[in-house]
Amino acid sequence: MAFNIADFQSNFLGDGARPNLFEVQVTRLGQDFSFVCKAAQLPGSTIGVVEVPYFGRAIKYAGNRTFQEWTVTILNDENFETRNTLELIMADINSHEGNLATLLQDGYSFNADVIQYGKTGDELKRYTFNGMFPTDISPIDLDWGSNDTIEEYQVTFAYQYWTSPTSAAT
């Protein structure tokens, strides 16, 4: 087995995608969200397996597709603009005191896009999360010893499904 760097490089079409060249756009949270979202993921999905026992063996059939929750890391500003919006959406879904839903006129779910860019600034891949809503806003750690840093927190979203123009996502 020979190790050849040219063979390795020939497996890439163009250049390798960079994980730091991305943007997240959430329609419900306003235009500035793309600048405060520090980390995200391109989505995955899973096809379940249905096992049917047959004479001591498990015959496997493809099951239903499921989508994992999606988590992003957000930088907090001194106005708490994004966090306040997310907390209000969650309160509309289920209030703190009254245990009531005071859903907005257009419901509580919305769409978001995560976009992967190339080094030239061209859009390489786009995923749209459809029918998503926040399920968890993580706490923000406060610490007198944390100097020269900006607060950050994670938000987990549930969503119905994702689509991508270059995937057979229908």
Foldseek 3Di string as FASTA:
>chain_A
DDDDVVVVVVVDDPDDFDQQQKFKFWPQQDDCQRVFFRHWDDWDKDWDWDWDDDPNDTDTDTHHIDTDKIKIKGFADPVSSRVVSLVVLVCCCANDPPRDHVADPVGSFGKMKMFGAGPVRHTDWIKMFARKHWDDKDDWDDDPPDPPDTIMTMTIMDGDAMDIPVDPGD
